[in-house]
Every structure is written in C-alpha cells, then in structure tokens.
Protein backbone atom coordinates (compact mmCIF):
# COMPACT_ATOMS: atom_id res chain seq x y z
CA MET A 1 33.62 38.88 11.19
CA THR A 2 32.26 39.78 7.83
CA GLU A 3 33.27 38.20 4.61
CA PRO A 4 35.29 40.73 1.79
CA ARG A 5 33.17 42.09 -0.61
CA VAL A 6 35.65 42.00 -4.38
CA ALA A 7 34.00 42.19 -6.90
CA VAL A 8 35.52 41.51 -10.74
CA ILE A 9 36.96 43.92 -13.58
CA GLY A 10 36.15 42.30 -16.45
CA ILE A 11 34.11 41.45 -19.42
CA PRO A 12 30.71 39.38 -18.20
CA GLY A 13 30.16 36.30 -19.88
CA LYS A 14 34.12 35.73 -20.40
CA TRP A 15 35.47 32.04 -19.47
CA SER A 16 38.22 34.19 -17.31
CA THR A 17 36.63 37.10 -15.37
CA GLU A 18 33.62 34.17 -14.89
CA VAL A 19 35.95 31.71 -13.18
CA LEU A 20 37.07 34.79 -10.70
CA ALA A 21 34.09 35.74 -9.40
CA ASP A 22 32.84 32.10 -8.92
CA ALA A 23 36.30 31.45 -7.19
CA LEU A 24 35.96 34.90 -4.86
CA GLU A 25 32.01 33.43 -4.72
CA GLN A 26 33.06 30.38 -3.18
CA ARG A 27 35.56 31.74 -0.86
CA THR A 28 33.03 34.75 0.01
CA GLY A 29 29.88 34.50 -0.84
CA PHE A 30 29.57 37.40 -2.84
CA ARG A 31 29.79 37.84 -6.49
CA GLN A 32 30.14 40.53 -8.12
CA VAL A 33 31.52 41.31 -12.43
CA VAL A 34 31.52 44.96 -13.41
CA ASP A 35 31.67 46.27 -17.00
CA MET A 36 33.93 49.27 -16.58
CA ALA A 37 31.57 50.88 -19.73
CA GLU A 38 28.95 51.05 -17.10
CA VAL A 39 30.73 52.43 -14.93
CA SER A 40 30.62 56.47 -13.80
CA LEU A 41 32.10 58.61 -11.54
CA ASP A 42 30.96 60.85 -10.24
CA LEU A 43 33.93 63.54 -7.79
CA THR A 44 31.10 65.90 -6.41
CA ASP A 45 31.21 62.82 -3.86
CA ASN A 46 33.90 60.89 -5.48
CA SER A 47 31.87 58.11 -5.89
CA LEU A 48 32.58 55.27 -8.48
CA ARG A 49 29.07 53.73 -9.72
CA TYR A 50 28.36 50.45 -11.21
CA GLY A 51 24.46 51.18 -11.13
CA SER A 52 23.14 50.55 -8.08
CA LEU A 53 26.52 49.71 -6.79
CA ASN A 54 29.39 51.89 -5.10
CA LEU A 55 32.46 50.15 -6.43
CA CYS A 56 34.15 52.46 -3.40
CA GLU A 57 32.37 50.47 -0.92
CA LEU A 58 33.52 47.44 -1.32
CA ASP A 59 37.25 45.70 -0.03
CA GLY A 60 38.54 44.75 -3.50
CA LEU A 61 38.64 44.78 -6.98
CA ALA A 62 40.07 42.20 -9.07
CA VAL A 63 40.68 43.23 -12.77
CA LYS A 64 40.78 40.46 -15.16
CA LYS A 65 40.54 42.82 -17.88
CA ILE A 66 39.83 46.42 -17.94
CA SER A 67 38.31 46.50 -21.48
CA ALA A 68 38.28 43.71 -24.54
CA GLU A 69 40.45 45.29 -26.47
CA TYR A 70 43.75 47.76 -25.64
CA SER A 71 43.57 52.17 -26.21
CA PRO A 72 44.29 54.68 -24.80
CA ASN A 73 39.96 55.19 -23.11
CA THR A 74 42.18 51.78 -20.94
CA LEU A 75 43.98 54.12 -19.26
CA ASP A 76 40.92 56.73 -18.15
CA ARG A 77 39.45 53.72 -17.68
CA LEU A 78 42.43 52.38 -14.72
CA GLU A 79 42.68 56.55 -14.26
CA MET A 80 38.78 55.44 -12.57
CA LEU A 81 39.92 52.83 -10.31
CA ARG A 82 42.12 55.15 -8.47
CA THR A 83 39.66 57.11 -6.59
CA ALA A 84 38.67 53.26 -5.64
CA GLU A 85 42.05 52.99 -3.76
CA GLN A 86 41.86 56.34 -2.81
CA HIS A 87 38.82 54.92 -0.63
CA GLY A 88 41.12 52.43 0.80
CA VAL A 89 39.79 50.32 -1.46
CA ARG A 90 42.20 47.16 -2.33
CA VAL A 91 43.04 46.95 -6.21
CA PHE A 92 44.38 44.40 -7.70
CA SER A 93 46.99 44.75 -8.90
CA GLY A 94 47.56 48.70 -8.71
CA ALA A 95 45.52 51.39 -10.59
CA GLU A 96 49.20 52.36 -11.32
CA ASN A 97 50.88 48.89 -11.65
CA ILE A 98 48.85 48.92 -14.45
CA LEU A 99 48.86 51.58 -16.23
CA ARG A 100 52.61 51.14 -16.70
CA LEU A 101 51.58 47.60 -18.31
CA VAL A 102 49.24 48.57 -20.75
CA ASP A 103 51.11 50.98 -23.01
CA ARG A 104 53.39 48.51 -24.81
CA LEU A 105 56.30 51.37 -24.87
CA SER A 106 55.86 52.02 -21.20
CA CYS A 107 56.25 48.21 -20.59
CA THR A 108 59.14 48.04 -23.29
CA VAL A 109 61.19 50.87 -21.61
CA THR A 110 60.95 49.92 -18.03
CA LEU A 111 61.87 46.40 -19.40
CA ARG A 112 65.00 47.15 -21.10
CA ASN A 113 65.39 49.79 -18.35
CA ALA A 114 66.25 46.94 -15.89
CA GLY A 115 68.41 45.08 -17.90
CA ILE A 116 66.25 42.36 -19.53
CA PRO A 117 67.21 41.10 -23.32
CA MET A 118 64.43 41.84 -25.62
CA PRO A 119 63.99 41.75 -29.71
CA ASP A 120 66.05 44.65 -31.58
CA THR A 121 63.53 47.54 -31.71
CA VAL A 122 63.29 50.54 -32.57
CA VAL A 123 60.30 53.34 -31.58
CA THR A 124 60.08 55.99 -34.65
CA GLU A 125 57.38 58.48 -36.09
CA ASP A 126 59.54 59.40 -38.85
CA LEU A 127 58.90 57.19 -41.90
CA GLN A 128 62.03 57.37 -43.68
CA ALA A 129 63.50 56.36 -40.48
CA ALA A 130 61.21 53.26 -40.20
CA PHE A 131 61.62 51.83 -43.80
CA ASP A 132 65.70 52.18 -43.49
CA THR A 133 65.32 49.73 -39.57
CA VAL A 134 63.10 47.05 -41.89
CA LYS A 135 66.52 47.22 -44.39
CA ARG A 136 68.55 47.10 -42.04
CA PHE A 137 66.20 43.84 -40.19
CA GLY A 138 65.44 42.04 -43.37
CA GLU A 139 61.80 41.51 -41.57
CA ALA A 140 59.86 43.31 -38.81
CA VAL A 141 56.97 42.91 -36.63
CA PHE A 142 55.39 46.33 -36.02
CA LYS A 143 53.33 46.57 -33.32
CA PRO A 144 49.99 49.00 -32.05
CA LEU A 145 50.94 50.57 -29.01
CA PHE A 146 47.90 49.06 -27.40
CA SER A 147 46.58 45.88 -28.01
CA THR A 148 47.06 42.26 -27.25
CA LYS A 149 47.38 38.60 -28.59
CA ALA A 150 49.28 40.32 -31.46
CA ARG A 151 45.79 41.91 -32.90
CA GLY A 152 47.12 44.32 -35.09
CA MET A 153 50.52 43.21 -35.30
CA CYS A 154 51.82 42.66 -38.93
CA VAL A 155 55.32 41.75 -40.83
CA LEU A 156 56.51 44.07 -43.14
CA GLY A 157 59.60 43.25 -45.01
CA GLY A 158 60.97 40.09 -47.06
CA GLU A 159 59.41 40.03 -50.12
CA GLN A 160 58.49 43.02 -50.46
CA SER A 161 59.77 45.99 -53.20
CA ASP A 162 60.95 49.16 -51.23
CA ASP A 163 57.62 50.95 -52.93
CA GLU A 164 55.43 48.56 -51.74
CA LEU A 165 57.47 48.14 -47.95
CA ARG A 166 56.88 52.18 -47.51
CA THR A 167 53.20 52.15 -48.92
CA ALA A 168 52.05 49.25 -45.64
CA ILE A 169 54.39 51.70 -43.18
CA ALA A 170 52.46 54.52 -44.08
CA GLU A 171 49.42 52.55 -44.45
CA PHE A 172 50.33 50.72 -40.29
CA LYS A 173 50.70 54.46 -39.25
CA VAL A 174 47.58 56.02 -40.48
CA ASP A 175 46.08 53.92 -37.61
CA ASN A 176 49.47 54.13 -35.56
CA PRO A 177 51.50 57.60 -35.14
CA MET A 178 54.42 55.62 -33.09
CA LEU A 179 55.86 53.03 -34.91
CA TYR A 180 57.12 50.05 -33.06
CA ILE A 181 59.34 47.93 -34.79
CA GLN A 182 60.73 44.79 -33.82
CA ARG A 183 62.97 43.15 -35.37
CA LYS A 184 61.31 39.32 -36.20
CA LEU A 185 62.70 36.45 -34.56
CA GLU A 186 62.64 32.26 -36.01
CA LEU A 187 61.55 31.18 -33.12
CA SER A 188 60.48 27.88 -33.69
CA GLY A 189 56.68 28.09 -33.22
CA ARG A 190 56.58 28.11 -29.59
CA ASP A 191 56.55 30.82 -26.60
CA LEU A 192 56.09 30.92 -22.94
CA GLY A 193 54.49 31.69 -20.50
CA MET A 194 55.22 32.12 -16.79
CA VAL A 195 53.88 32.36 -13.56
CA PHE A 196 53.86 34.86 -11.20
CA LEU A 197 51.64 35.85 -8.02
CA GLY A 198 52.60 38.31 -5.53
CA GLY A 199 56.37 37.86 -7.59
CA GLN A 200 56.16 34.47 -6.57
CA TYR A 201 57.13 31.35 -9.64
CA GLN A 202 54.05 29.23 -9.87
CA GLY A 203 55.13 27.18 -13.16
CA THR A 204 55.32 27.57 -16.74
CA TYR A 205 53.41 27.27 -20.15
CA ALA A 206 53.94 26.64 -23.49
CA ARG A 207 51.94 28.43 -26.60
CA VAL A 208 52.50 26.39 -30.02
CA SER A 209 51.73 27.24 -33.32
CA GLN A 210 49.71 24.80 -35.00
CA SER A 211 49.43 26.87 -38.67
CA ASP A 212 51.79 29.02 -40.80
CA THR A 213 51.17 32.19 -39.36
CA TRP A 214 54.73 34.19 -37.68
CA ASN A 215 52.86 34.17 -33.78
CA THR A 216 52.11 31.20 -31.36
CA THR A 217 48.61 32.75 -29.98
CA ILE A 218 45.35 30.99 -29.05
CA ASN A 219 43.84 33.57 -31.59
CA SER A 220 45.71 32.17 -34.68
CA GLY A 221 44.89 28.37 -34.00
CA GLY A 222 47.74 28.16 -31.19
CA ARG A 223 47.78 25.71 -28.49
CA TYR A 224 49.20 25.18 -24.90
CA GLU A 225 51.32 22.41 -23.64
CA ALA A 226 53.68 21.66 -20.53
CA PHE A 227 56.73 23.42 -20.23
CA GLU A 228 59.59 22.78 -17.06
CA PRO A 229 62.13 26.07 -17.39
CA ASP A 230 65.56 25.60 -15.54
CA ALA A 231 66.48 27.88 -13.01
CA GLU A 232 67.89 30.12 -14.77
CA LEU A 233 65.32 31.11 -17.17
CA ILE A 234 62.65 31.99 -13.80
CA GLU A 235 65.41 33.81 -12.63
CA LEU A 236 64.98 36.29 -15.82
CA ALA A 237 61.45 35.93 -15.30
CA ARG A 238 60.82 37.21 -12.04
CA LYS A 239 63.47 40.20 -12.78
CA ALA A 240 61.59 40.91 -16.21
CA GLN A 241 57.86 41.31 -13.57
CA GLU A 242 59.38 42.91 -10.67
CA PRO A 243 59.45 46.90 -11.41
CA PHE A 244 55.89 46.55 -11.91
CA GLY A 245 54.84 44.64 -8.89
CA LEU A 246 51.81 42.52 -10.14
CA ASP A 247 49.93 40.65 -8.02
CA PHE A 248 49.19 38.47 -10.56
CA THR A 249 50.66 38.73 -14.19
CA THR A 250 52.42 35.98 -16.94
CA VAL A 251 55.97 37.07 -18.40
CA ASP A 252 55.80 36.76 -22.18
CA VAL A 253 59.40 35.20 -22.82
CA ALA A 254 60.89 33.28 -26.28
CA LEU A 255 63.95 30.82 -26.68
CA THR A 256 66.10 31.75 -29.06
CA ASP A 257 69.65 30.63 -30.75
CA SER A 258 71.06 33.67 -28.91
CA GLY A 259 69.46 33.46 -25.39
CA PRO A 260 66.04 33.70 -24.10
CA ILE A 261 64.44 36.71 -24.48
CA ILE A 262 61.48 38.93 -23.13
CA PHE A 263 58.50 40.37 -25.10
CA GLU A 264 56.57 41.53 -22.45
CA VAL A 265 55.02 41.26 -19.04
CA SER A 266 50.98 40.82 -18.67
CA ALA A 267 49.22 43.41 -17.47
CA PHE A 268 46.79 40.81 -16.48
CA GLY A 269 48.38 37.42 -17.28
CA GLY A 270 47.01 34.49 -18.77
CA PHE A 271 44.31 31.81 -16.71
CA ARG A 272 43.77 29.39 -19.25
CA GLY A 273 47.19 28.85 -19.64
CA ALA A 274 48.03 28.64 -16.83
CA LEU A 275 45.73 26.12 -16.73
CA GLU A 276 45.62 24.20 -19.49
CA GLY A 277 49.16 23.54 -20.26
CA ALA A 278 50.42 23.99 -16.35
CA GLY A 279 47.52 22.10 -14.50
CA ILE A 280 47.93 25.41 -12.17
CA ASP A 281 44.20 27.06 -11.20
CA ALA A 282 45.23 30.39 -11.00
CA ALA A 283 41.79 31.57 -10.65
CA GLY A 284 41.36 29.79 -7.20
CA LEU A 285 45.53 30.80 -6.21
CA TYR A 286 44.42 34.30 -7.07
CA ALA A 287 41.30 34.45 -4.98
CA ASP A 288 43.34 33.28 -2.34
CA HIS A 289 45.91 35.28 -2.37
CA ILE A 290 43.48 38.85 -2.90
CA LEU A 291 42.15 37.80 0.74
CA GLU A 292 44.95 36.77 2.13
CA LYS A 293 45.99 40.98 0.83
CA ILE A 294 42.99 41.98 2.08
CA GLY A 295 43.24 40.83 5.77
CA ARG A 296 40.48 37.93 6.13
C-alpha cells in the first residue's frame, strides 16, 4: 500500500510549520511545505499548483498557517483550498471551518450564539457609539478583525481626555472600519491555552506575562507554564470549540473574578505552547490524527 502524501500549508522556515512537516515525513516518507503566496488556482482545469506540484493530486493538506498575518486576503487563500477539497483532498481543518475563525467577528458571533461567556463586547462603525462604549467600560481593548498574537490591538480610555480618546478612536478606524471593542479585564497577567484534537481535550498551558504589557502573548515577552484545569473548565472549553468542527485547535481562556471567559478559538492552534507549557507533542499527535482520518 502506497503511503499517503500530505503537504503542510504554512510558512517555510517557521518552527510550527517545519515540525509538522517533519512529523508527517517520519510517518510517510513524504515531505512538502507549501507557501500559499506561491500557489495558483487555474479554473480552466481546476488545478491548484505550487510549482510543478498539483495540490489536487495529494491525499491531504494540513493547514498550519495560511498567512504570516491575518487579513481579508487570508480568506481568499482558504477559498482556493476548497478546490482541492472538491477533488477529494482532505484538508485539516476543513477550509470552511477555518474561514469561520479567521475573522474575529465571525468567531465572536458563533461563540455568543452558543452561549459561551466572553468579555463585554461592542462592534460598531459609528464613532460616537465607540466613544460612548469606552466611557461606559472605563478602559477598552480595540481589536482588528484580522490579527493574531495581539497584533494591531490597543487599549483606549483610562486617563485619556475626551478629545484624546476621540482622536485615538478615529485613528484606529482608518485601518479598521468596523470597530471591535472589548471591556479591558484584569487577568493577573495570565491566561490559558486549552488544546483539543478532533474535539478531544489534550491538555492546558498558561501564558504568563513577564512585563507590564496588558497582554500575555509571547510576542510581548510572555512565557509558557503548566496548568491543571478542573473538569468544569475543560467542559466549557470543549463547548466553545465544538461549533467550529476543527481537527486541531487551542481555546483561549481567562480566569476572572466573575468566572472563566473565552477570548477566542484558534483557527490553527499553538504547537509551541502545547509542547513547552504542557509537554504535549502536538505535531506528532496531529500527524497521527491526519493519517488516521485519511485511512492510512
């Protein structure tokens, strides 16, 4: 029986992309990393080409990262992968499943419709409504609809004068026409990444701030450490990821004085946090899951 050929959609040279490609190569002997910036979709023959390779002729595509930074262009890349799915290529996670997560608003609406607790959130294009929201919240985090690892986010309110606040909101709106505003919460410098594979809980790691920054991301100097959640918290995270049907994901959870809240469900999940914080070989587990689903 011929071993399946599964390529990794990701960023060449990036650790999480390469470690998944390594894990698949160890199991199948086939290794291919695909940069979507160099992929062409030809609808005359319904091919999806990366150099001389037609991705529609592979057995699977594991999407570790669709682009270095999220943007509306990310959605276009995912749409291209639907052509491969139409040819019978298994995409992990499915293109439409990821599409619902790359846009922060889509993720938020899905979570709230499922009754998942989240920070107080207002979404508007109206500058006055945004100003009123910040005054009501005291301090608020403004988030781009397409971003990861807190990129492009900022905290407004606090000690700003009304004029300063109005100016800051208007400046943010230049690049973010739809204003996504969340109440800033006191998180004691820590939040959680809860790892799921095929909907099954695998473990939890904490991201811990090492500075005075408002977020805990590794980009801002945070570090990973182990964390043991109780059964109630695990069940909350399971319910949060369930509507999206992902093959692999991390649920971002914060513990507050009023109970746990969900920030988001990751479209791709964090390999490094799982390994360094929880001792989970996510790449190996994911490779095994992919090959099982393909029917190796």
